Amino acid sequence: MTLNTFNDVSSVLEEELQTLTYLEKLRNRLYTSYYIRKKHGKREINTYIYKVDEEELEESTDLLYTDLLYSEIVKIRTYSHDLERVHRKIDSRILDTVKLPSCVNGFKKGESIKKAVEPHVGKAYVACLDIHNFFPSVTSDAVLEGLKNIGFGSDAAWLIARLVTYKGHLPQGAVTSPKASNIAFMKVDMKILELVQEYGADYTRYADDLIFSANEPLDSLVDKVIEEIENSGYKINREKVKFYGPSEPHYILGMIANHKLNVPREKRRNLEAAIHNYIVKHQVPQDVEDPVRYKKTLLGKAAYMLSVNPSLGRLAKLRKQLQDFNPEGLEYTKIII
């Protein structure tokens, strides 16, 4: 699908053009921000204002709500809800229809983290790169250029790019950011594919993780890839660049991918212990705020590991016990792991 005019966008979204243009003007006031802890520092998350209760909103330091009348705050919360509705339509009716390069495996129908790793199984050499602050690094101009490069008209591309960005970049937390990032990064993906073809290597990308493999050392290729990425306005986490050779385990996106896909033994054992502690000892890690919801987290991790290696018998048994287990009403002890 390609769209040319403002009216084309309005038509495919089944939204009044007046609504879209108003949301475009107001969009930078329709989010609020909070931070989550990461292993190395913290990450800013931008969320739609209507999802934040009024007391938290009044305490917000990044927005000037103290000077607004209550009626104005109500309007802004309503428009924030409208923006999310429009985002969901943009995501499913426009962004989801874009054909992406074969190297892209994240935020793409029919693809998965496992498929991002499979092309690299059995290769002698592997290199893994990570883009620093990927979504915030994707600018409105990059989304605009990406849409125009695949045939969208200037007006339609401008309106979509403005609607899906916040303060000039993709917000970490908006519905549309994952797929919009793929479109914005497509030009870089194509340049990387040209480079890896010259070297006889393979390349896949899962969100902000880039994986390369070949039967020859990858140092020279990776240097050129980093140069291309950073010349395009992105930054590589240099401390996270990993090279693996023929005589060591190839750790890719939480899997081992030497001769076949598998889950690292330590990760599997840690998950098995966590499930056992949850069911039998009623224990959860110290940072778990909701022990009942933690069950869903454990089930997700178990499902992922079993998708990588279905023959993990003990984990499969524990997963079944966890599915049948009801944590409602139980008291849980928090432990340091």
Protein backbone atom coordinates (compact mmCIF):
# COMPACT_ATOMS: atom_id res chain seq x y z
CA MET A 1 0.00 0.00 0.00
CA THR A 2 1.20 3.50 -0.82
CA LEU A 3 -0.58 6.72 0.11
CA ASN A 4 -0.06 10.16 -1.39
CA THR A 5 -2.24 12.79 0.26
CA PHE A 6 -3.58 13.77 3.67
CA ASN A 7 -6.99 12.59 2.49
CA ASP A 8 -5.56 9.18 1.54
CA VAL A 9 -4.35 8.75 5.13
CA SER A 10 -7.70 9.94 6.50
CA SER A 11 -9.55 7.49 4.25
CA VAL A 12 -7.52 4.38 5.04
CA LEU A 13 -7.66 5.09 8.78
CA GLU A 14 -11.37 5.99 8.66
CA GLU A 15 -10.63 9.09 10.73
CA GLU A 16 -11.64 12.68 10.06
CA LEU A 17 -8.73 14.69 8.63
CA GLN A 18 -9.48 17.39 11.20
CA THR A 19 -8.91 14.84 13.97
CA LEU A 20 -5.58 13.73 12.49
CA THR A 21 -4.26 17.25 11.99
CA TYR A 22 -5.29 18.26 15.49
CA LEU A 23 -3.56 15.22 17.01
CA GLU A 24 -0.46 16.03 14.96
CA LYS A 25 -0.34 19.53 16.47
CA LEU A 26 -1.06 18.33 20.01
CA ARG A 27 0.95 15.08 20.03
CA ASN A 28 3.90 16.31 22.14
CA ARG A 29 1.51 17.02 25.02
CA LEU A 30 -0.18 13.61 24.91
CA TYR A 31 2.57 11.52 26.53
CA THR A 32 4.21 11.39 29.91
CA SER A 33 7.46 9.68 30.82
CA TYR A 34 8.86 7.38 33.48
CA TYR A 35 12.04 5.35 33.84
CA ILE A 36 12.72 1.66 34.24
CA ARG A 37 15.91 0.22 35.62
CA LYS A 38 18.25 -1.64 33.31
CA LYS A 39 21.38 -3.62 34.02
CA HIS A 40 23.46 -0.63 32.90
CA GLY A 41 21.54 2.51 33.85
CA LYS A 42 17.91 3.29 33.08
CA ARG A 43 15.54 3.59 30.11
CA GLU A 44 12.96 6.30 29.52
CA ILE A 45 9.49 5.04 28.64
CA ASN A 46 6.91 7.33 27.04
CA THR A 47 3.32 6.38 27.71
CA TYR A 48 -0.04 7.82 26.65
CA ILE A 49 -1.21 10.26 29.32
CA TYR A 50 -4.67 8.73 29.67
CA LYS A 51 -3.05 5.57 31.09
CA VAL A 52 -1.64 7.52 34.05
CA ASP A 53 -3.93 8.26 37.00
CA GLU A 54 -4.58 11.88 37.91
CA GLU A 55 -2.48 11.88 41.11
CA GLU A 56 0.59 10.64 39.23
CA LEU A 57 -0.09 13.19 36.49
CA GLU A 58 -0.14 16.03 39.00
CA GLU A 59 3.28 14.90 40.27
CA SER A 60 4.75 14.72 36.76
CA THR A 61 7.84 16.89 36.34
CA ASP A 62 8.22 16.66 32.58
CA LEU A 63 4.86 18.26 31.75
CA LEU A 64 3.44 21.65 32.66
CA TYR A 65 0.10 20.45 34.02
CA THR A 66 0.18 22.52 37.18
CA ASP A 67 -0.94 25.56 35.17
CA LEU A 68 -3.80 23.82 33.40
CA LEU A 69 -7.44 23.88 34.40
CA TYR A 70 -9.00 20.52 35.28
CA SER A 71 -11.21 20.72 32.17
CA GLU A 72 -8.10 21.13 29.99
CA ILE A 73 -6.45 18.10 31.59
CA VAL A 74 -9.58 16.04 30.87
CA LYS A 75 -9.43 17.13 27.22
CA ILE A 76 -5.76 16.21 26.94
CA ARG A 77 -6.40 12.78 28.45
CA THR A 78 -9.20 12.26 25.90
CA TYR A 79 -6.97 13.30 23.01
CA SER A 80 -4.27 10.97 24.31
CA HIS A 81 -6.74 8.09 24.09
CA ASP A 82 -7.61 9.22 20.55
CA LEU A 83 -3.92 9.21 19.62
CA GLU A 84 -3.51 5.61 20.75
CA ARG A 85 -6.60 4.61 18.74
CA VAL A 86 -5.15 6.28 15.64
CA HIS A 87 -1.77 4.65 16.32
CA ARG A 88 -3.36 1.19 16.39
CA LYS A 89 -4.96 1.87 13.01
CA ILE A 90 -1.69 3.21 11.54
CA ASP A 91 0.09 0.12 12.85
CA SER A 92 -2.34 -2.44 11.41
CA ARG A 93 -3.58 -0.67 8.27
CA ILE A 94 -0.41 1.06 7.05
CA LEU A 95 2.85 -0.02 8.71
CA ASP A 96 1.92 -3.70 8.77
CA THR A 97 1.47 -3.72 4.98
CA VAL A 98 5.04 -2.62 4.22
CA LYS A 99 7.30 -5.31 2.76
CA LEU A 100 10.55 -5.43 4.71
CA PRO A 101 13.95 -6.92 3.76
CA SER A 102 14.46 -10.62 4.53
CA CYS A 103 17.10 -9.77 7.14
CA VAL A 104 14.46 -8.18 9.42
CA ASN A 105 12.97 -10.55 12.00
CA GLY A 106 11.62 -8.31 14.74
CA PHE A 107 8.16 -6.67 14.70
CA LYS A 108 7.30 -8.50 11.49
CA LYS A 109 4.47 -10.95 10.82
CA GLY A 110 5.57 -14.58 10.70
CA GLU A 111 9.03 -13.84 12.06
CA SER A 112 10.51 -14.49 15.48
CA ILE A 113 13.63 -14.22 17.57
CA LYS A 114 14.38 -17.86 16.74
CA LYS A 115 14.26 -17.14 13.01
CA ALA A 116 16.75 -14.33 13.53
CA VAL A 117 19.25 -16.83 14.93
CA GLU A 118 18.72 -19.86 12.67
CA PRO A 119 20.73 -18.55 9.65
CA HIS A 120 23.83 -18.35 11.86
CA VAL A 121 23.78 -21.94 13.17
CA GLY A 122 26.89 -23.89 12.24
CA LYS A 123 28.96 -20.89 11.14
CA ALA A 124 32.57 -20.68 12.34
CA TYR A 125 32.46 -16.98 13.22
CA VAL A 126 29.69 -14.83 14.67
CA ALA A 127 29.50 -11.13 15.58
CA CYS A 128 26.70 -9.42 17.51
CA LEU A 129 26.08 -5.65 17.64
CA ASP A 130 23.58 -3.56 19.59
CA ILE A 131 22.23 -0.12 18.62
CA HIS A 132 22.26 2.28 21.57
CA ASN A 133 18.81 3.77 22.42
CA PHE A 134 17.32 2.57 19.15
CA PHE A 135 13.80 4.07 19.24
CA PRO A 136 14.89 7.49 20.54
CA SER A 137 17.57 7.51 17.82
CA VAL A 138 14.96 7.14 15.07
CA THR A 139 13.99 10.67 14.10
CA SER A 140 10.83 11.99 12.50
CA ASP A 141 12.90 12.80 9.41
CA ALA A 142 14.14 9.18 9.22
CA VAL A 143 10.55 7.87 9.32
CA LEU A 144 9.55 10.44 6.70
CA GLU A 145 12.44 9.43 4.42
CA GLY A 146 11.72 5.74 4.94
CA LEU A 147 8.09 6.13 3.91
CA LYS A 148 8.98 8.23 0.86
CA ASN A 149 11.62 5.65 -0.16
CA ILE A 150 8.92 2.97 -0.40
CA GLY A 151 6.60 5.11 -2.50
CA PHE A 152 4.54 7.22 -0.11
CA GLY A 153 3.78 10.75 -1.26
CA SER A 154 5.35 13.65 0.63
CA ASP A 155 2.12 14.79 2.30
CA ALA A 156 1.04 11.33 3.46
CA ALA A 157 4.55 10.46 4.65
CA TRP A 158 4.82 13.76 6.55
CA LEU A 159 1.51 13.29 8.36
CA ILE A 160 2.24 9.68 9.34
CA ALA A 161 5.79 10.51 10.47
CA ARG A 162 4.53 13.37 12.61
CA LEU A 163 1.72 11.34 14.17
CA VAL A 164 4.03 8.47 15.23
CA THR A 165 6.83 10.60 16.70
CA TYR A 166 7.19 12.52 19.96
CA LYS A 167 9.55 15.48 20.33
CA GLY A 168 11.17 14.53 17.04
CA HIS A 169 11.79 10.83 17.61
CA LEU A 170 9.98 7.52 18.08
CA PRO A 171 8.56 7.24 21.61
CA GLN A 172 9.63 4.20 23.60
CA GLY A 173 6.20 2.84 24.45
CA ALA A 174 3.97 3.88 21.54
CA VAL A 175 2.11 1.18 19.60
CA THR A 176 3.61 2.29 16.28
CA SER A 177 7.29 2.62 17.22
CA PRO A 178 8.45 -0.97 16.54
CA LYS A 179 7.22 -1.16 12.93
CA ALA A 180 8.03 2.49 12.21
CA SER A 181 11.61 1.80 13.32
CA ASN A 182 11.89 -0.99 10.75
CA ILE A 183 10.77 1.36 7.98
CA ALA A 184 13.14 4.11 9.08
CA PHE A 185 16.09 1.70 9.32
CA MET A 186 15.37 -0.05 6.01
CA LYS A 187 17.83 2.12 4.08
CA VAL A 188 20.61 1.11 6.50
CA ASP A 189 19.56 -2.56 6.32
CA MET A 190 19.92 -2.48 2.52
CA LYS A 191 23.41 -0.95 2.74
CA ILE A 192 24.45 -3.60 5.28
CA LEU A 193 23.12 -6.36 3.02
CA GLU A 194 25.33 -5.03 0.21
CA LEU A 195 28.36 -5.16 2.53
CA VAL A 196 27.71 -8.70 3.79
CA GLN A 197 27.22 -9.92 0.22
CA GLU A 198 30.72 -8.68 -0.61
CA TYR A 199 32.10 -10.67 2.33
CA GLY A 200 30.02 -13.81 1.76
CA ALA A 201 28.46 -13.41 5.21
CA ASP A 202 24.92 -13.64 6.62
CA TYR A 203 23.07 -10.83 8.39
CA THR A 204 19.85 -10.69 10.41
CA ARG A 205 18.39 -7.99 12.65
CA TYR A 206 15.99 -8.40 15.54
CA ALA A 207 14.94 -4.89 16.68
CA ASP A 208 18.18 -3.24 17.82
CA ASP A 209 20.27 -6.45 17.74
CA LEU A 210 22.34 -7.10 14.60
CA ILE A 211 23.88 -10.53 13.98
CA PHE A 212 26.54 -11.49 11.43
CA SER A 213 28.08 -14.86 10.66
CA ALA A 214 30.53 -16.38 8.19
CA ASN A 215 33.22 -19.03 7.92
CA GLU A 216 35.92 -16.35 7.93
CA PRO A 217 36.74 -13.73 10.62
CA LEU A 218 34.31 -10.80 10.68
CA ASP A 219 36.44 -7.98 12.09
CA SER A 220 36.81 -6.05 8.84
CA LEU A 221 33.13 -6.38 7.93
CA VAL A 222 31.99 -5.26 11.38
CA ASP A 223 34.22 -2.17 11.19
CA LYS A 224 32.55 -1.16 7.92
CA VAL A 225 29.06 -1.91 9.27
CA ILE A 226 29.64 0.22 12.38
CA GLU A 227 30.89 3.07 10.19
CA GLU A 228 27.79 2.82 7.99
CA ILE A 229 25.42 2.74 10.97
CA GLU A 230 27.04 5.66 12.77
CA ASN A 231 27.21 7.72 9.57
CA SER A 232 23.44 7.20 9.37
CA GLY A 233 22.84 8.85 12.74
CA TYR A 234 22.79 5.84 15.06
CA LYS A 235 25.27 4.77 17.73
CA ILE A 236 26.61 1.28 18.43
CA ASN A 237 27.10 0.12 22.02
CA ARG A 238 30.82 -0.55 21.62
CA GLU A 239 31.08 -2.36 24.96
CA LYS A 240 28.39 -4.81 23.80
CA VAL A 241 30.06 -5.81 20.51
CA LYS A 242 30.75 -9.55 20.69
CA PHE A 243 32.91 -11.75 18.47
CA TYR A 244 32.78 -15.55 18.66
CA GLY A 245 35.22 -17.94 17.01
CA PRO A 246 35.11 -21.66 16.06
CA SER A 247 36.24 -22.99 19.44
CA GLU A 248 33.77 -21.21 21.75
CA PRO A 249 30.01 -21.12 22.34
CA HIS A 250 28.13 -18.71 20.07
CA TYR A 251 25.71 -16.78 22.29
CA ILE A 252 23.06 -15.11 20.14
CA LEU A 253 19.93 -13.46 21.57
CA GLY A 254 19.92 -15.73 24.60
CA MET A 255 20.57 -18.92 22.60
CA ILE A 256 23.61 -21.03 21.81
CA ALA A 257 23.94 -21.51 18.04
CA ASN A 258 27.03 -23.58 17.29
CA HIS A 259 25.87 -26.84 15.69
CA LYS A 260 22.21 -26.55 16.69
CA LEU A 261 20.02 -24.14 18.60
CA ASN A 262 19.97 -24.61 22.35
CA VAL A 263 19.38 -22.74 25.59
CA PRO A 264 22.38 -21.98 27.84
CA ARG A 265 22.42 -24.50 30.68
CA GLU A 266 22.75 -21.86 33.41
CA LYS A 267 19.72 -19.90 32.15
CA ARG A 268 17.63 -23.06 31.95
CA ARG A 269 18.59 -24.13 35.48
CA ASN A 270 17.90 -20.65 36.86
CA LEU A 271 14.43 -20.68 35.31
CA GLU A 272 13.70 -24.18 36.62
CA ALA A 273 14.75 -23.03 40.12
CA ALA A 274 12.59 -19.89 39.84
CA ILE A 275 9.51 -21.92 38.88
CA HIS A 276 10.16 -24.43 41.69
CA ASN A 277 10.58 -21.63 44.25
CA TYR A 278 7.40 -19.96 43.02
CA ILE A 279 5.23 -23.07 43.22
CA VAL A 280 6.70 -24.89 46.24
CA LYS A 281 8.33 -22.22 48.43
CA HIS A 282 6.14 -19.26 47.43
CA GLN A 283 9.22 -17.15 46.73
CA VAL A 284 9.76 -14.44 44.11
CA PRO A 285 12.75 -12.20 43.25
CA GLN A 286 13.04 -8.97 45.23
CA ASP A 287 12.13 -6.73 42.27
CA VAL A 288 8.81 -8.49 41.54
CA GLU A 289 5.96 -6.12 42.44
CA ASP A 290 3.02 -8.43 41.65
CA PRO A 291 3.61 -12.13 42.49
CA VAL A 292 0.38 -13.18 40.74
CA ARG A 293 1.40 -11.53 37.45
CA TYR A 294 4.90 -13.02 37.83
CA LYS A 295 3.38 -16.36 36.86
CA LYS A 296 2.81 -15.01 33.35
CA THR A 297 6.47 -13.91 33.17
CA LEU A 298 7.70 -17.38 34.12
CA LEU A 299 5.36 -19.06 31.64
CA GLY A 300 6.60 -16.77 28.87
CA LYS A 301 10.25 -17.59 29.59
CA ALA A 302 9.49 -21.32 29.72
CA ALA A 303 7.57 -21.19 26.43
CA TYR A 304 10.48 -19.38 24.78
CA MET A 305 13.09 -21.90 25.97
CA LEU A 306 10.93 -24.85 24.92
CA SER A 307 10.42 -23.29 21.48
CA VAL A 308 14.21 -23.27 21.12
CA ASN A 309 14.64 -26.83 22.43
CA PRO A 310 11.40 -28.85 22.86
CA SER A 311 13.33 -31.77 24.42
CA LEU A 312 13.92 -30.00 27.77
CA GLY A 313 11.89 -32.55 29.75
CA ARG A 314 12.23 -31.17 33.29
CA LEU A 315 11.36 -27.66 32.16
CA ALA A 316 8.33 -28.94 30.24
CA LYS A 317 7.11 -30.73 33.38
CA LEU A 318 7.59 -27.62 35.53
CA ARG A 319 5.79 -25.51 32.96
CA LYS A 320 2.78 -27.84 33.11
CA GLN A 321 2.77 -27.63 36.93
CA LEU A 322 2.96 -23.84 36.69
CA GLN A 323 0.04 -23.69 34.24
CA ASP A 324 -2.10 -25.64 36.73
CA PHE A 325 -0.92 -23.62 39.74
CA ASN A 326 -3.14 -20.87 41.22
CA PRO A 327 -1.17 -18.19 43.12
CA GLU A 328 -4.24 -16.15 44.11
CA GLY A 329 -4.46 -15.48 47.86
CA LEU A 330 -1.00 -16.85 48.71
CA GLU A 331 1.65 -14.90 50.61
CA TYR A 332 4.98 -14.62 48.82
CA THR A 333 8.43 -13.98 50.27
CA LYS A 334 10.84 -11.79 48.28
CA ILE A 335 14.37 -13.14 47.95
CA ILE A 336 17.64 -11.78 46.57
CA ILE A 337 18.82 -13.71 43.52
